[in-house]
Protein backbone atom coordinates (compact mmCIF):
# COMPACT_ATOMS: atom_id res chain seq x y z
CA MET A 1 -15.84 105.06 18.33
CA ASN A 2 -19.10 104.07 20.02
CA ARG A 3 -20.39 106.37 22.70
CA LYS A 4 -23.46 106.01 24.83
CA PRO A 5 -25.82 108.95 24.97
CA ALA A 6 -25.24 111.19 27.96
CA THR A 7 -28.90 111.07 28.97
CA ASN A 8 -31.74 108.64 28.57
CA PRO A 9 -34.36 109.41 25.94
CA PHE A 10 -37.10 111.78 27.07
CA TRP A 11 -39.96 109.71 25.64
CA SER A 12 -42.01 106.92 27.03
CA THR A 13 -44.88 104.81 25.82
CA ALA A 14 -48.26 104.35 27.38
CA SER A 15 -47.57 100.64 27.76
CA PHE A 16 -44.72 101.23 30.24
CA GLY A 17 -42.59 98.41 28.84
CA ASP A 18 -45.47 95.93 28.48
CA THR A 19 -47.09 94.95 25.22
CA ALA A 20 -49.57 97.52 23.98
CA ASN A 21 -53.15 96.30 24.27
CA THR A 22 -56.29 98.10 23.23
CA SER A 23 -59.34 98.23 25.39
CA PRO A 24 -62.85 97.62 24.03
CA MET A 25 -63.67 101.27 24.72
CA GLU A 26 -60.71 102.43 22.61
CA LEU A 27 -61.73 100.13 19.77
CA SER A 28 -65.30 101.43 19.95
CA ALA A 29 -64.09 105.04 19.82
CA LEU A 30 -61.86 104.20 16.86
CA GLY A 31 -64.79 102.53 15.08
CA ASP A 32 -66.98 105.59 15.67
CA HIS A 33 -64.24 107.84 14.31
CA LEU A 34 -63.77 105.71 11.19
CA ASP A 35 -67.53 105.68 10.58
CA LEU A 36 -67.57 109.47 10.80
CA CYS A 37 -64.67 109.67 8.34
CA LYS A 38 -66.48 107.38 5.88
CA GLU A 39 -69.62 109.53 6.09
CA SER A 40 -67.66 112.69 5.30
CA HIS A 41 -66.52 111.21 1.98
CA GLY A 42 -69.85 111.75 0.22
CA ARG A 43 -70.67 113.41 -3.08
CA TRP A 44 -69.33 116.78 -2.05
CA PHE A 45 -66.00 115.28 -0.99
CA ALA A 46 -65.14 114.40 -4.61
CA LEU A 47 -65.97 117.95 -5.68
CA GLN A 48 -63.83 119.35 -2.87
CA CYS A 49 -60.90 117.14 -3.92
CA ALA A 50 -61.23 118.27 -7.54
CA ALA A 51 -61.33 121.94 -6.46
CA GLU A 52 -58.21 121.45 -4.35
CA ARG A 53 -56.39 119.86 -7.30
CA VAL A 54 -57.37 122.75 -9.59
CA ASN A 55 -56.34 125.26 -6.94
CA GLY A 56 -52.96 123.54 -6.51
CA PHE A 57 -52.43 123.46 -10.26
CA LEU A 58 -53.30 127.14 -10.70
CA ALA A 59 -51.43 128.33 -7.60
CA ALA A 60 -48.23 126.77 -8.91
CA ARG A 61 -48.70 128.70 -12.15
CA VAL A 62 -49.88 132.12 -10.96
CA VAL A 63 -48.10 134.19 -13.58
CA THR A 64 -49.15 131.94 -16.46
CA THR A 65 -52.72 131.90 -15.16
CA LEU A 66 -52.80 135.72 -15.00
CA VAL A 67 -51.40 136.02 -18.55
CA VAL A 68 -53.94 133.55 -19.93
CA ALA A 69 -56.77 135.32 -18.08
CA ALA A 70 -55.62 138.70 -19.44
CA LEU A 71 -55.46 137.29 -22.98
CA LEU A 72 -58.95 135.83 -22.67
CA ILE A 73 -60.34 139.13 -21.38
CA GLY A 74 -58.56 141.01 -24.17
CA VAL A 75 -59.82 138.69 -26.89
CA THR A 76 -63.40 138.75 -25.64
CA SER A 77 -63.38 142.56 -25.33
CA MET A 78 -62.21 142.93 -28.96
CA VAL A 79 -64.89 140.56 -30.20
CA LEU A 80 -67.67 142.40 -28.40
């Protein structure tokens, strides 16, 4: 049973049925954006990525992290 949709889709493209072409100004803006993205991936970017990975790892294990932290605090308080 094939039925046609009751209404036409509510989307359209910027090319209005023609092939999509980019203008030199759009390519220049894209190049500027990509250069800015490359510059933001400096030395601190690697540190930020590592911190996000550690945060994700610890956030998924909140209870275990709290138990381990409590054990470490308890052990160090008995030693001192």
